[in-house]
Amino acid sequence: MAATKYRLDVNLARVLLKPFGSDPKFVMLGLMLITGIFSMFMSNTATTAMMLSILTPVIAVFGPKDPGRIAFALCIPVAANIGGIGTPIGTPPNAIALKYLVGDNYISFGEWMAFGVPFVVVMMALAWMLINFLYSADQKKIELSIKGKFLKTPKAIMVYITFALTIILWLMGSTHGMNSYTVALIPVAIFSLTGIINKEDLKKISWDVLWLVSGGIALGLALDKTGLARLVVHSIPFDEFSPYVVLFGAAFLCLLMANFMSHTATANLLMPIMAALGTSMTSLTPLGGELTLILVVTFAASLGMSLPISTPPNALAHATGHVQSSQMARVGVILGVVGVLLSFVLVWLLHAVGI
């Protein structure tokens, strides 16, 4: 919220896009990388809305039949959805997963990024190549003009310093001993005390999403403490199935559900059951047990992006009128399936190196 209010996001986008030139396919790559980076630390919906507003005059440059219109409108929500996977705070399913990654399975902010960011980079490259292949722009040159300059007021400078400090402290969790939740309170305290965020700004926070996450965590605790999650798991003879079948089945069930309902609701519904299944199914232990199951399901939840209703970024892109549901589904289904399979490769690599 502070970054948007003091135009830090737009100005960073303006500076970071300069090296990508005027070739449409490389400009699109730059837009995707910047959207992905912003989505790791900011709301996916806010990032998408900002980037699409920047792109409005650019998309208008393409001819009415130019596939470049589709490519540029589609690349933003795809990058926002994928980018959120890179950090524990990037998307609500990640935050829900962290609730179950405790004790021996605890993952710090930096550790999450150590495997999350490489996954995001590979998926972003695949998405860029796929969108270029399906919707290659006819126009050979575009000029991206973003007006603005970095604010130099004391409050703006405070936002820049706090933004950088918070990210550094998140990444260095093992050095100073503060967990990511404690570090997250630093910008809350600084911005509240200095008046950078006021009561009018607080009204604009997506409280519905926060309540949905909180309610889901409460629901998960209730399922766990009452033993209902274990009862559901034990009512199905999972031990008779191959652990690979269970892993693939859980991931693709989550991917399917995430395409038709909220990612957050999907994670809230499945995570407590997966946590109970991971601890009770002994055949999963050699594959990483509960940790493996939770990670592949978390990644699958964020990769459900085949329809306009799948995620708010998709809905915003569809609302521009430049991309149809069928075009979104074609890219979303391919990336969803490939992404889930890639998450298995990632988990296997982590397990192979002893993590």
Protein backbone atom coordinates (compact mmCIF):
# COMPACT_ATOMS: atom_id res chain seq x y z
CA MET A 1 0.00 0.00 0.00
CA ALA A 2 2.81 2.40 0.88
CA ALA A 3 4.69 1.55 -2.32
CA THR A 4 1.60 2.31 -4.41
CA LYS A 5 0.75 5.49 -2.49
CA TYR A 6 4.24 6.95 -3.00
CA ARG A 7 4.53 5.59 -6.57
CA LEU A 8 7.54 3.42 -5.73
CA ASP A 9 6.08 0.59 -7.83
CA VAL A 10 5.53 2.69 -10.98
CA ASN A 11 8.94 4.34 -10.73
CA LEU A 12 10.72 1.02 -10.21
CA ALA A 13 8.87 -0.37 -13.24
CA ARG A 14 9.97 2.66 -15.30
CA VAL A 15 13.64 2.20 -14.37
CA LEU A 16 13.69 -1.60 -14.64
CA LEU A 17 12.03 -1.66 -18.07
CA LYS A 18 14.64 0.57 -19.76
CA PRO A 19 17.15 -2.22 -20.58
CA PHE A 20 14.55 -4.28 -22.50
CA GLY A 21 14.54 -2.06 -25.61
CA SER A 22 11.62 -1.80 -28.06
CA ASP A 23 11.27 -5.36 -29.46
CA PRO A 24 7.77 -6.49 -28.33
CA LYS A 25 8.90 -9.94 -27.18
CA PHE A 26 11.68 -8.51 -24.97
CA VAL A 27 9.47 -5.71 -23.64
CA MET A 28 6.98 -8.44 -22.69
CA LEU A 29 9.76 -10.37 -20.93
CA GLY A 30 10.66 -7.23 -18.96
CA LEU A 31 7.01 -6.67 -18.00
CA MET A 32 6.68 -10.28 -16.83
CA LEU A 33 9.86 -10.19 -14.74
CA ILE A 34 8.89 -6.91 -13.07
CA THR A 35 5.33 -8.10 -12.42
CA GLY A 36 6.70 -11.35 -10.96
CA ILE A 37 9.14 -9.52 -8.66
CA PHE A 38 6.46 -7.10 -7.43
CA SER A 39 4.06 -10.00 -6.82
CA MET A 40 6.56 -11.60 -4.45
CA PHE A 41 6.20 -8.67 -2.02
CA MET A 42 2.92 -6.96 -2.94
CA SER A 43 -0.67 -8.00 -3.59
CA ASN A 44 -0.99 -9.87 -6.90
CA THR A 45 -4.22 -7.98 -7.61
CA ALA A 46 -2.70 -4.53 -6.96
CA THR A 47 0.37 -5.40 -9.05
CA THR A 48 -1.79 -6.56 -11.96
CA ALA A 49 -4.02 -3.47 -11.80
CA MET A 50 -0.95 -1.20 -11.83
CA MET A 51 0.81 -2.98 -14.69
CA LEU A 52 -2.35 -3.16 -16.84
CA SER A 53 -2.90 0.59 -16.35
CA ILE A 54 0.69 1.21 -17.51
CA LEU A 55 0.04 -1.04 -20.52
CA THR A 56 -3.24 0.51 -21.67
CA PRO A 57 -1.65 3.03 -24.09
CA VAL A 58 0.86 0.40 -25.27
CA ILE A 59 -1.79 -2.19 -26.16
CA ALA A 60 -3.65 0.50 -28.12
CA VAL A 61 -0.60 0.77 -30.44
CA PHE A 62 -1.16 -2.78 -31.74
CA GLY A 63 -3.56 -3.29 -34.65
CA PRO A 64 -7.05 -4.68 -33.85
CA LYS A 65 -6.11 -8.13 -35.24
CA ASP A 66 -2.52 -8.16 -33.91
CA PRO A 67 -1.96 -11.14 -31.51
CA GLY A 68 0.36 -8.82 -29.58
CA ARG A 69 -2.73 -7.37 -27.89
CA ILE A 70 -3.56 -10.80 -26.44
CA ALA A 71 0.07 -11.50 -25.49
CA PHE A 72 0.54 -8.25 -23.56
CA ALA A 73 -2.82 -8.46 -21.78
CA LEU A 74 -2.22 -12.12 -20.87
CA CYS A 75 1.41 -11.94 -19.76
CA ILE A 76 0.64 -9.70 -16.75
CA PRO A 77 -1.80 -11.98 -14.84
CA VAL A 78 0.30 -15.05 -15.70
CA ALA A 79 3.43 -13.38 -14.30
CA ALA A 80 1.54 -12.16 -11.20
CA ASN A 81 0.18 -15.64 -10.45
CA ILE A 82 3.57 -17.32 -10.94
CA GLY A 83 5.56 -14.60 -9.12
CA GLY A 84 3.54 -14.99 -5.93
CA ILE A 85 4.97 -18.50 -5.48
CA GLY A 86 8.47 -17.07 -4.89
CA THR A 87 8.04 -15.90 -1.27
CA PRO A 88 6.00 -17.02 1.77
CA ILE A 89 4.02 -13.73 1.61
CA GLY A 90 3.53 -13.72 -2.17
CA THR A 91 0.14 -15.41 -2.14
CA PRO A 92 -2.35 -16.54 0.58
CA PRO A 93 -1.85 -20.33 -0.05
CA ASN A 94 1.84 -19.87 0.87
CA ALA A 95 0.90 -18.24 4.18
CA ILE A 96 -1.58 -21.04 4.88
CA ALA A 97 1.08 -23.67 4.11
CA LEU A 98 3.52 -22.04 6.56
CA LYS A 99 0.99 -22.68 9.35
CA TYR A 100 1.63 -26.41 8.85
CA LEU A 101 5.37 -26.17 8.23
CA VAL A 102 6.50 -26.18 11.85
CA GLY A 103 8.97 -28.21 13.93
CA ASP A 104 11.20 -30.38 11.75
CA ASN A 105 9.44 -29.05 8.64
CA TYR A 106 9.99 -25.36 9.48
CA ILE A 107 11.00 -23.24 6.47
CA SER A 108 12.39 -19.70 6.91
CA PHE A 109 11.69 -16.82 4.52
CA GLY A 110 15.12 -17.16 2.90
CA GLU A 111 14.85 -20.96 2.61
CA TRP A 112 11.48 -20.64 0.88
CA MET A 113 12.96 -18.17 -1.61
CA ALA A 114 15.96 -20.47 -2.19
CA PHE A 115 13.67 -22.99 -3.91
CA GLY A 116 10.70 -20.73 -4.73
CA VAL A 117 12.57 -18.16 -6.84
CA PRO A 118 14.31 -20.72 -9.14
CA PHE A 119 10.90 -22.34 -9.68
CA VAL A 120 9.41 -18.93 -10.54
CA VAL A 121 12.27 -18.14 -12.96
CA VAL A 122 11.85 -21.45 -14.84
CA MET A 123 8.05 -21.09 -14.97
CA MET A 124 8.35 -17.47 -16.10
CA ALA A 125 10.68 -18.48 -18.94
CA LEU A 126 8.27 -21.24 -20.02
CA ALA A 127 5.30 -18.85 -19.84
CA TRP A 128 7.13 -16.21 -21.91
CA MET A 129 8.09 -18.75 -24.60
CA LEU A 130 4.56 -20.22 -24.66
CA ILE A 131 2.81 -16.84 -24.97
CA ASN A 132 5.30 -15.77 -27.68
CA PHE A 133 4.71 -19.02 -29.54
CA LEU A 134 0.90 -18.83 -29.39
CA TYR A 135 0.43 -15.05 -29.76
CA SER A 136 3.50 -13.62 -31.47
CA ALA A 137 3.13 -9.87 -32.17
CA ASP A 138 3.02 -8.72 -35.81
CA GLN A 139 4.36 -5.29 -34.88
CA LYS A 140 8.16 -5.26 -34.70
CA LYS A 141 8.75 -2.21 -32.52
CA ILE A 142 6.95 -0.51 -29.64
CA GLU A 143 7.81 2.41 -27.39
CA LEU A 144 6.95 2.04 -23.72
CA SER A 145 6.62 5.47 -22.13
CA ILE A 146 6.06 5.59 -18.35
CA LYS A 147 6.08 9.10 -16.94
CA GLY A 148 7.12 9.85 -13.38
CA LYS A 149 10.04 10.40 -11.02
CA PHE A 150 11.06 9.16 -7.59
CA LEU A 151 9.58 11.33 -4.84
CA LYS A 152 12.14 12.96 -2.53
CA THR A 153 9.86 13.88 0.40
CA PRO A 154 10.81 12.62 3.90
CA LYS A 155 7.85 10.20 3.95
CA ALA A 156 8.71 8.80 0.50
CA ILE A 157 12.33 8.25 1.56
CA MET A 158 11.06 6.51 4.72
CA VAL A 159 9.01 4.16 2.51
CA TYR A 160 12.06 3.33 0.35
CA ILE A 161 14.26 2.60 3.39
CA THR A 162 11.59 0.56 5.20
CA PHE A 163 10.80 -1.43 2.05
CA ALA A 164 14.47 -2.35 1.57
CA LEU A 165 15.09 -2.99 5.30
CA THR A 166 12.07 -5.31 5.60
CA ILE A 167 13.12 -7.44 2.62
CA ILE A 168 16.73 -7.65 3.89
CA LEU A 169 15.56 -8.72 7.36
CA TRP A 170 13.24 -11.32 5.82
CA LEU A 171 16.12 -12.79 3.84
CA MET A 172 18.49 -12.80 6.83
CA GLY A 173 16.13 -14.52 9.28
CA SER A 174 18.71 -17.08 10.38
CA THR A 175 21.17 -14.28 11.32
CA HIS A 176 19.04 -12.08 13.59
CA GLY A 177 16.60 -14.74 14.88
CA MET A 178 13.36 -12.84 14.17
CA ASN A 179 10.76 -14.83 12.24
CA SER A 180 9.03 -13.40 9.16
CA TYR A 181 5.86 -12.52 11.13
CA THR A 182 7.84 -10.32 13.57
CA VAL A 183 9.70 -8.60 10.72
CA ALA A 184 6.37 -7.93 8.97
CA LEU A 185 5.30 -5.79 11.93
CA ILE A 186 8.19 -3.34 11.32
CA PRO A 187 6.55 -1.59 8.30
CA VAL A 188 3.19 -1.72 10.11
CA ALA A 189 4.68 0.12 13.10
CA ILE A 190 6.78 2.62 11.10
CA PHE A 191 4.05 3.52 8.60
CA SER A 192 1.43 3.90 11.34
CA LEU A 193 3.61 6.03 13.65
CA THR A 194 4.83 8.34 10.87
CA GLY A 195 1.40 8.79 9.27
CA ILE A 196 2.52 7.26 5.96
CA ILE A 197 -0.55 5.01 6.13
CA ASN A 198 -3.65 6.70 7.57
CA LYS A 199 -7.16 5.52 8.37
CA GLU A 200 -8.35 6.14 4.81
CA ASP A 201 -5.58 3.88 3.48
CA LEU A 202 -6.48 1.17 6.01
CA LYS A 203 -10.01 1.08 4.60
CA LYS A 204 -8.56 0.08 1.20
CA ILE A 205 -6.81 -3.05 2.54
CA SER A 206 -8.31 -6.30 1.23
CA TRP A 207 -9.78 -7.22 4.62
CA ASP A 208 -11.99 -9.87 3.01
CA VAL A 209 -8.89 -11.81 1.87
CA LEU A 210 -7.24 -11.47 5.29
CA TRP A 211 -10.38 -12.73 7.03
CA LEU A 212 -10.60 -15.57 4.54
CA VAL A 213 -7.02 -16.62 5.35
CA SER A 214 -7.60 -16.23 9.10
CA GLY A 215 -10.89 -18.12 8.96
CA GLY A 216 -9.19 -20.90 6.99
CA ILE A 217 -6.43 -21.19 9.58
CA ALA A 218 -9.09 -21.40 12.32
CA LEU A 219 -10.93 -24.06 10.31
CA GLY A 220 -7.69 -26.01 9.83
CA LEU A 221 -6.97 -25.88 13.57
CA ALA A 222 -10.48 -27.11 14.32
CA LEU A 223 -10.11 -30.01 11.84
CA ASP A 224 -6.75 -30.90 13.41
CA LYS A 225 -7.61 -30.53 17.12
CA THR A 226 -10.94 -32.36 16.90
CA GLY A 227 -9.35 -35.22 14.95
CA LEU A 228 -11.76 -34.76 12.01
CA ALA A 229 -8.93 -34.41 9.48
CA ARG A 230 -7.37 -37.67 10.69
CA LEU A 231 -10.78 -39.35 10.59
CA VAL A 232 -11.26 -38.29 6.94
CA VAL A 233 -7.78 -39.54 6.06
CA HIS A 234 -8.20 -42.88 7.87
CA SER A 235 -11.60 -43.49 6.26
CA ILE A 236 -9.81 -43.92 2.90
CA PRO A 237 -7.16 -46.70 2.66
CA PHE A 238 -4.39 -44.41 1.35
CA ASP A 239 -1.68 -46.84 2.50
CA GLU A 240 -2.86 -49.28 -0.17
CA PHE A 241 -2.00 -46.75 -2.88
CA SER A 242 1.45 -45.93 -4.22
CA PRO A 243 2.81 -42.74 -2.59
CA TYR A 244 3.37 -41.37 -6.12
CA VAL A 245 -0.33 -41.86 -6.92
CA VAL A 246 -1.27 -40.00 -3.73
CA LEU A 247 1.12 -37.12 -4.48
CA PHE A 248 -0.02 -36.74 -8.09
CA GLY A 249 -3.67 -37.17 -7.13
CA ALA A 250 -3.50 -34.53 -4.37
CA ALA A 251 -1.64 -32.02 -6.56
CA PHE A 252 -3.92 -32.35 -9.57
CA LEU A 253 -7.07 -32.31 -7.39
CA CYS A 254 -5.82 -29.03 -5.90
CA LEU A 255 -4.99 -27.65 -9.37
CA LEU A 256 -8.47 -28.55 -10.64
CA MET A 257 -10.22 -26.99 -7.64
CA ALA A 258 -8.06 -23.83 -7.79
CA ASN A 259 -9.22 -23.18 -11.37
CA PHE A 260 -12.87 -23.07 -10.34
CA MET A 261 -12.71 -21.53 -6.87
CA SER A 262 -10.54 -19.18 -4.82
CA HIS A 263 -6.91 -20.29 -4.40
CA THR A 264 -7.18 -19.30 -0.74
CA ALA A 265 -10.37 -21.31 -0.20
CA THR A 266 -8.83 -24.32 -1.97
CA ALA A 267 -5.72 -24.20 0.23
CA ASN A 268 -7.84 -23.71 3.37
CA LEU A 269 -9.93 -26.74 2.47
CA LEU A 270 -7.14 -29.14 1.48
CA MET A 271 -4.18 -28.16 3.67
CA PRO A 272 -5.33 -29.61 7.03
CA ILE A 273 -6.30 -32.88 5.30
CA MET A 274 -2.94 -33.04 3.49
CA ALA A 275 -1.08 -32.33 6.75
CA ALA A 276 -2.91 -35.21 8.46
CA LEU A 277 -2.34 -37.48 5.45
CA GLY A 278 1.38 -36.62 5.35
CA THR A 279 1.90 -37.59 8.99
CA SER A 280 -0.20 -40.77 8.88
CA MET A 281 0.96 -42.28 5.56
CA THR A 282 4.24 -44.06 6.28
CA SER A 283 4.96 -44.86 2.63
CA LEU A 284 5.33 -41.10 1.99
CA THR A 285 8.20 -40.77 4.50
CA PRO A 286 10.99 -41.72 2.03
CA LEU A 287 9.67 -39.00 -0.33
CA GLY A 288 9.70 -36.29 2.32
CA GLY A 289 6.36 -37.04 3.99
CA GLU A 290 4.20 -34.13 5.12
CA LEU A 291 6.59 -31.46 3.79
CA THR A 292 6.53 -32.82 0.22
CA LEU A 293 2.75 -33.16 0.20
CA ILE A 294 2.15 -29.65 1.53
CA LEU A 295 4.62 -28.04 -0.90
CA VAL A 296 3.26 -29.67 -4.07
CA VAL A 297 -0.32 -28.85 -3.04
CA THR A 298 0.66 -25.22 -2.23
CA PHE A 299 2.33 -24.78 -5.62
CA ALA A 300 -0.65 -26.41 -7.37
CA ALA A 301 -3.04 -23.98 -5.64
CA SER A 302 -1.18 -20.98 -7.10
CA LEU A 303 -0.97 -22.52 -10.59
CA GLY A 304 -4.73 -22.70 -11.11
CA MET A 305 -5.11 -19.85 -13.63
CA SER A 306 -7.05 -21.21 -16.59
CA LEU A 307 -10.21 -19.11 -16.30
CA PRO A 308 -11.14 -15.46 -15.66
CA ILE A 309 -12.73 -16.58 -12.37
CA SER A 310 -9.61 -18.48 -11.24
CA THR A 311 -7.77 -15.45 -9.80
CA PRO A 312 -8.37 -11.68 -9.44
CA PRO A 313 -5.42 -10.95 -11.83
CA ASN A 314 -7.12 -13.10 -14.49
CA ALA A 315 -10.41 -11.28 -13.95
CA LEU A 316 -8.70 -7.89 -14.35
CA ALA A 317 -6.97 -8.99 -17.57
CA HIS A 318 -10.21 -10.41 -19.00
CA ALA A 319 -12.00 -7.15 -18.15
CA THR A 320 -9.70 -5.25 -20.54
CA GLY A 321 -11.48 -6.98 -23.44
CA HIS A 322 -8.19 -7.91 -25.14
CA VAL A 323 -8.10 -11.57 -24.05
CA GLN A 324 -10.85 -14.19 -24.35
CA SER A 325 -11.58 -17.04 -21.92
CA SER A 326 -10.47 -19.67 -24.47
CA GLN A 327 -7.13 -17.91 -25.01
CA MET A 328 -6.58 -17.66 -21.26
CA ALA A 329 -7.51 -21.34 -20.79
CA ARG A 330 -5.09 -22.50 -23.48
CA VAL A 331 -2.13 -20.89 -21.70
CA GLY A 332 -3.41 -21.58 -18.17
CA VAL A 333 -3.98 -25.32 -18.62
CA ILE A 334 -0.55 -25.90 -20.19
CA LEU A 335 1.27 -23.86 -17.53
CA GLY A 336 -0.76 -25.43 -14.71
CA VAL A 337 0.02 -29.02 -15.71
CA VAL A 338 3.68 -28.29 -16.54
CA GLY A 339 4.05 -26.31 -13.29
CA VAL A 340 2.71 -29.15 -11.13
CA LEU A 341 5.04 -31.64 -12.84
CA LEU A 342 7.93 -29.20 -12.38
CA SER A 343 7.09 -28.91 -8.66
CA PHE A 344 7.61 -32.68 -8.35
CA VAL A 345 11.01 -32.32 -10.02
CA LEU A 346 11.86 -29.47 -7.61
CA VAL A 347 10.86 -31.49 -4.53
CA TRP A 348 12.81 -34.51 -5.84
CA LEU A 349 15.91 -32.32 -6.32
CA LEU A 350 15.57 -30.87 -2.80
CA HIS A 351 15.22 -34.39 -1.40
CA ALA A 352 18.19 -35.62 -3.47
CA VAL A 353 20.50 -32.96 -2.01
CA GLY A 354 19.37 -33.78 1.53
CA ILE A 355 16.96 -30.91 2.22
